[in-house]
Amino acid sequence: MNTRVVALIVGIITLGLGLASLAYPDRILGLLGFAVVNPSSAAAAYGEVRATYGGLFVVLGVFVLMGAIDPTRYRPHLMMIGLAWLGICAGRLIGASIDGNPGLFGWIYAAFEGVMGVLLLVAALIGPPKAEGLTVGPGTTPPPGPTAF
């Protein structure tokens, strides 16, 4: 599995979900099975969708895309965002165990969130090792070691 490709795909999906939530909060509410009951609170509901599903997911998507560019440097970010996706999945599964069957789309969302989290964790864990120092090639001398004062 190529870490960069996985991070690129997950980053594009995450960023796309965030941008869609910013632009179309009413559609996202419908997709999630929610409805605005009181028209006077529509602005608050749309603001909540834009904040939680929009702004947050845009930032997560941008950091995952940065991880696609340089997986070694952004390994902790990929791991954290993968754990965040798994936390969303866990919250949904806990809700299902307490509240009952969430329906077909609830299970599909849980599976999607779990897959996104696992993909990011695997990408972070199997990515190229983090460089600890300079690499010494043939015909070069290693850098001097630490000196005692």
C-alpha atoms as a PDB file:
ATOM      1  CA  MET A   1       0.000   0.000   0.000  1.00  0.00           C
ATOM      2  CA  ASN A   2       1.358   3.384  -0.968  1.00  0.00           C
ATOM      3  CA  THR A   3       1.054   5.846   1.913  1.00  0.00           C
ATOM      4  CA  ARG A   4       0.857   8.846  -0.386  1.00  0.00           C
ATOM      5  CA  VAL A   5      -1.957   7.415  -2.493  1.00  0.00           C
ATOM      6  CA  VAL A   6      -3.996   6.413   0.565  1.00  0.00           C
ATOM      7  CA  ALA A   7      -3.507   9.832   2.163  1.00  0.00           C
ATOM      8  CA  LEU A   8      -4.366  11.552  -1.118  1.00  0.00           C
ATOM      9  CA  ILE A   9      -7.631   9.625  -1.530  1.00  0.00           C
ATOM     10  CA  VAL A  10      -8.702  10.024   2.112  1.00  0.00           C
ATOM     11  CA  GLY A  11      -7.679  13.692   2.076  1.00  0.00           C
ATOM     12  CA  ILE A  12      -9.701  14.442  -1.057  1.00  0.00           C
ATOM     13  CA  ILE A  13     -12.764  12.674   0.369  1.00  0.00           C
ATOM     14  CA  THR A  14     -12.451  14.453   3.725  1.00  0.00           C
ATOM     15  CA  LEU A  15     -11.879  17.845   2.125  1.00  0.00           C
ATOM     16  CA  GLY A  16     -14.771  17.247  -0.276  1.00  0.00           C
ATOM     17  CA  LEU A  17     -17.128  16.401   2.581  1.00  0.00           C
ATOM     18  CA  GLY A  18     -16.042  19.557   4.388  1.00  0.00           C
ATOM     19  CA  LEU A  19     -16.494  21.802   1.376  1.00  0.00           C
ATOM     20  CA  ALA A  20     -19.903  20.282   0.615  1.00  0.00           C
ATOM     21  CA  SER A  21     -20.961  20.911   4.207  1.00  0.00           C
ATOM     22  CA  LEU A  22     -19.862  24.523   4.013  1.00  0.00           C
ATOM     23  CA  ALA A  23     -21.665  25.106   0.731  1.00  0.00           C
ATOM     24  CA  TYR A  24     -24.810  22.986   1.171  1.00  0.00           C
ATOM     25  CA  PRO A  25     -25.649  22.544   4.866  1.00  0.00           C
ATOM     26  CA  ASP A  26     -29.329  21.913   4.095  1.00  0.00           C
ATOM     27  CA  ARG A  27     -28.427  18.962   1.865  1.00  0.00           C
ATOM     28  CA  ILE A  28     -26.006  17.576   4.437  1.00  0.00           C
ATOM     29  CA  LEU A  29     -28.743  17.748   7.083  1.00  0.00           C
ATOM     30  CA  GLY A  30     -30.995  15.760   4.753  1.00  0.00           C
ATOM     31  CA  LEU A  31     -28.231  13.262   4.005  1.00  0.00           C
ATOM     32  CA  LEU A  32     -27.789  12.715   7.728  1.00  0.00           C
ATOM     33  CA  GLY A  33     -31.527  12.303   8.223  1.00  0.00           C
ATOM     34  CA  PHE A  34     -32.022  15.562  10.105  1.00  0.00           C
ATOM     35  CA  ALA A  35     -34.576  18.272   9.438  1.00  0.00           C
ATOM     36  CA  VAL A  36     -35.025  21.834  10.619  1.00  0.00           C
ATOM     37  CA  VAL A  37     -38.269  21.735  12.628  1.00  0.00           C
ATOM     38  CA  ASN A  38     -38.488  25.401  13.512  1.00  0.00           C
ATOM     39  CA  PRO A  39     -37.685  27.793  10.633  1.00  0.00           C
ATOM     40  CA  SER A  40     -36.475  30.396  13.108  1.00  0.00           C
ATOM     41  CA  SER A  41     -33.629  28.045  14.135  1.00  0.00           C
ATOM     42  CA  ALA A  42     -32.546  27.179  10.572  1.00  0.00           C
ATOM     43  CA  ALA A  43     -29.564  29.540  10.706  1.00  0.00           C
ATOM     44  CA  ALA A  44     -28.329  27.903  13.912  1.00  0.00           C
ATOM     45  CA  ALA A  45     -28.720  24.406  12.446  1.00  0.00           C
ATOM     46  CA  TYR A  46     -26.926  25.371   9.235  1.00  0.00           C
ATOM     47  CA  GLY A  47     -24.197  27.063  11.257  1.00  0.00           C
ATOM     48  CA  GLU A  48     -23.704  23.884  13.274  1.00  0.00           C
ATOM     49  CA  VAL A  49     -23.356  21.808  10.094  1.00  0.00           C
ATOM     50  CA  ARG A  50     -20.947  24.339   8.600  1.00  0.00           C
ATOM     51  CA  ALA A  51     -18.847  24.347  11.781  1.00  0.00           C
ATOM     52  CA  THR A  52     -18.767  20.649  12.611  1.00  0.00           C
ATOM     53  CA  TYR A  53     -18.956  18.987   9.222  1.00  0.00           C
ATOM     54  CA  GLY A  54     -17.629  21.899   7.191  1.00  0.00           C
ATOM     55  CA  GLY A  55     -14.842  23.784   8.899  1.00  0.00           C
ATOM     56  CA  LEU A  56     -13.516  20.845  10.886  1.00  0.00           C
ATOM     57  CA  PHE A  57     -13.476  18.472   7.918  1.00  0.00           C
ATOM     58  CA  VAL A  58     -11.813  21.053   5.670  1.00  0.00           C
ATOM     59  CA  VAL A  59      -8.948  21.392   8.149  1.00  0.00           C
ATOM     60  CA  LEU A  60      -8.694  17.617   8.580  1.00  0.00           C
ATOM     61  CA  GLY A  61      -8.679  17.156   4.806  1.00  0.00           C
ATOM     62  CA  VAL A  62      -5.952  19.758   4.302  1.00  0.00           C
ATOM     63  CA  PHE A  63      -3.705  18.083   6.884  1.00  0.00           C
ATOM     64  CA  VAL A  64      -4.261  14.667   5.331  1.00  0.00           C
ATOM     65  CA  LEU A  65      -3.342  16.115   1.929  1.00  0.00           C
ATOM     66  CA  MET A  66      -0.199  17.577   3.484  1.00  0.00           C
ATOM     67  CA  GLY A  67       0.508  14.044   4.701  1.00  0.00           C
ATOM     68  CA  ALA A  68       0.179  12.828   1.113  1.00  0.00           C
ATOM     69  CA  ILE A  69       2.910  15.248   0.083  1.00  0.00           C
ATOM     70  CA  ASP A  70       5.281  14.374   2.938  1.00  0.00           C
ATOM     71  CA  PRO A  71       4.094  11.282   4.856  1.00  0.00           C
ATOM     72  CA  THR A  72       7.181  11.135   7.050  1.00  0.00           C
ATOM     73  CA  ARG A  73       6.839  14.682   8.312  1.00  0.00           C
ATOM     74  CA  TYR A  74       3.073  14.478   8.823  1.00  0.00           C
ATOM     75  CA  ARG A  75       2.924  10.928  10.227  1.00  0.00           C
ATOM     76  CA  PRO A  76       1.610  12.115  13.635  1.00  0.00           C
ATOM     77  CA  HIS A  77      -1.079  14.137  11.855  1.00  0.00           C
ATOM     78  CA  LEU A  78      -2.164  11.149   9.778  1.00  0.00           C
ATOM     79  CA  MET A  79      -2.316   9.016  12.895  1.00  0.00           C
ATOM     80  CA  MET A  80      -4.312  11.610  14.843  1.00  0.00           C
ATOM     81  CA  ILE A  81      -6.811  12.140  12.040  1.00  0.00           C
ATOM     82  CA  GLY A  82      -7.136   8.374  11.589  1.00  0.00           C
ATOM     83  CA  LEU A  83      -7.907   8.076  15.296  1.00  0.00           C
ATOM     84  CA  ALA A  84     -10.442  10.901  14.963  1.00  0.00           C
ATOM     85  CA  TRP A  85     -12.232   8.975  12.193  1.00  0.00           C
ATOM     86  CA  LEU A  86     -12.210   5.864  14.392  1.00  0.00           C
ATOM     87  CA  GLY A  87     -13.581   7.949  17.272  1.00  0.00           C
ATOM     88  CA  ILE A  88     -16.474   9.059  15.081  1.00  0.00           C
ATOM     89  CA  CYS A  89     -17.097   5.423  14.156  1.00  0.00           C
ATOM     90  CA  ALA A  90     -16.918   4.347  17.809  1.00  0.00           C
ATOM     91  CA  GLY A  91     -19.363   7.064  18.834  1.00  0.00           C
ATOM     92  CA  ARG A  92     -21.789   5.883  16.174  1.00  0.00           C
ATOM     93  CA  LEU A  93     -21.439   2.246  17.303  1.00  0.00           C
ATOM     94  CA  ILE A  94     -21.923   3.183  20.960  1.00  0.00           C
ATOM     95  CA  GLY A  95     -25.041   5.078  19.925  1.00  0.00           C
ATOM     96  CA  ALA A  96     -26.296   1.986  18.107  1.00  0.00           C
ATOM     97  CA  SER A  97     -25.752  -0.149  21.191  1.00  0.00           C
ATOM     98  CA  ILE A  98     -27.603   2.326  23.432  1.00  0.00           C
ATOM     99  CA  ASP A  99     -30.279   3.671  21.088  1.00  0.00           C
ATOM    100  CA  GLY A 100     -30.839   0.692  18.821  1.00  0.00           C
ATOM    101  CA  ASN A 101     -30.466  -0.012  15.134  1.00  0.00           C
ATOM    102  CA  PRO A 102     -29.497   3.189  13.273  1.00  0.00           C
ATOM    103  CA  GLY A 103     -30.780   1.838   9.969  1.00  0.00           C
ATOM    104  CA  LEU A 104     -28.964   0.986   6.781  1.00  0.00           C
ATOM    105  CA  PHE A 105     -27.380   4.406   6.308  1.00  0.00           C
ATOM    106  CA  GLY A 106     -26.214   4.491   9.931  1.00  0.00           C
ATOM    107  CA  TRP A 107     -24.345   1.221   9.399  1.00  0.00           C
ATOM    108  CA  ILE A 108     -22.966   2.422   6.074  1.00  0.00           C
ATOM    109  CA  TYR A 109     -21.696   5.614   7.722  1.00  0.00           C
ATOM    110  CA  ALA A 110     -20.092   3.590  10.535  1.00  0.00           C
ATOM    111  CA  ALA A 111     -18.347   1.317   8.033  1.00  0.00           C
ATOM    112  CA  PHE A 112     -17.183   4.312   5.977  1.00  0.00           C
ATOM    113  CA  GLU A 113     -15.791   6.075   9.056  1.00  0.00           C
ATOM    114  CA  GLY A 114     -14.068   2.906  10.231  1.00  0.00           C
ATOM    115  CA  VAL A 115     -12.463   2.326   6.837  1.00  0.00           C
ATOM    116  CA  MET A 116     -11.246   5.934   6.633  1.00  0.00           C
ATOM    117  CA  GLY A 117      -9.697   5.673  10.106  1.00  0.00           C
ATOM    118  CA  VAL A 118      -8.047   2.311   9.501  1.00  0.00           C
ATOM    119  CA  LEU A 119      -6.638   3.435   6.155  1.00  0.00           C
ATOM    120  CA  LEU A 120      -5.041   6.500   7.722  1.00  0.00           C
ATOM    121  CA  LEU A 121      -3.638   4.530  10.654  1.00  0.00           C
ATOM    122  CA  VAL A 122      -2.176   1.885   8.374  1.00  0.00           C
ATOM    123  CA  ALA A 123      -0.735   4.570   6.099  1.00  0.00           C
ATOM    124  CA  ALA A 124       0.840   6.314   9.097  1.00  0.00           C
ATOM    125  CA  LEU A 125       2.242   3.115  10.556  1.00  0.00           C
ATOM    126  CA  ILE A 126       3.647   1.519   7.399  1.00  0.00           C
ATOM    127  CA  GLY A 127       4.854   4.708   5.751  1.00  0.00           C
ATOM    128  CA  PRO A 128       8.534   5.357   5.193  1.00  0.00           C
ATOM    129  CA  PRO A 129      10.523   5.455   8.432  1.00  0.00           C
ATOM    130  CA  LYS A 130      11.227   8.858   9.900  1.00  0.00           C
ATOM    131  CA  ALA A 131      14.777   9.967   9.198  1.00  0.00           C
ATOM    132  CA  GLU A 132      16.722  10.302  12.421  1.00  0.00           C
ATOM    133  CA  GLY A 133      19.844  11.853  10.949  1.00  0.00           C
ATOM    134  CA  LEU A 134      21.860  12.309   7.804  1.00  0.00           C
ATOM    135  CA  THR A 135      22.304   9.387   5.461  1.00  0.00           C
ATOM    136  CA  VAL A 136      25.905   8.605   4.646  1.00  0.00           C
ATOM    137  CA  GLY A 137      26.520   7.341   1.131  1.00  0.00           C
ATOM    138  CA  PRO A 138      29.579   5.649  -0.351  1.00  0.00           C
ATOM    139  CA  GLY A 139      32.698   7.796  -0.398  1.00  0.00           C
ATOM    140  CA  THR A 140      31.455  10.250   2.246  1.00  0.00           C
ATOM    141  CA  THR A 141      32.370  10.607   5.861  1.00  0.00           C
ATOM    142  CA  PRO A 142      29.744  10.557   8.595  1.00  0.00           C
ATOM    143  CA  PRO A 143      29.018  13.763  10.463  1.00  0.00           C
ATOM    144  CA  PRO A 144      30.932  14.230  13.702  1.00  0.00           C
ATOM    145  CA  GLY A 145      29.333  12.745  16.791  1.00  0.00           C
ATOM    146  CA  PRO A 146      28.305  14.672  19.879  1.00  0.00           C
ATOM    147  CA  THR A 147      31.131  16.269  21.785  1.00  0.00           C
ATOM    148  CA  ALA A 148      31.496  16.330  25.535  1.00  0.00           C
ATOM    149  CA  PHE A 149      31.812  19.707  27.197  1.00  0.00           C
END
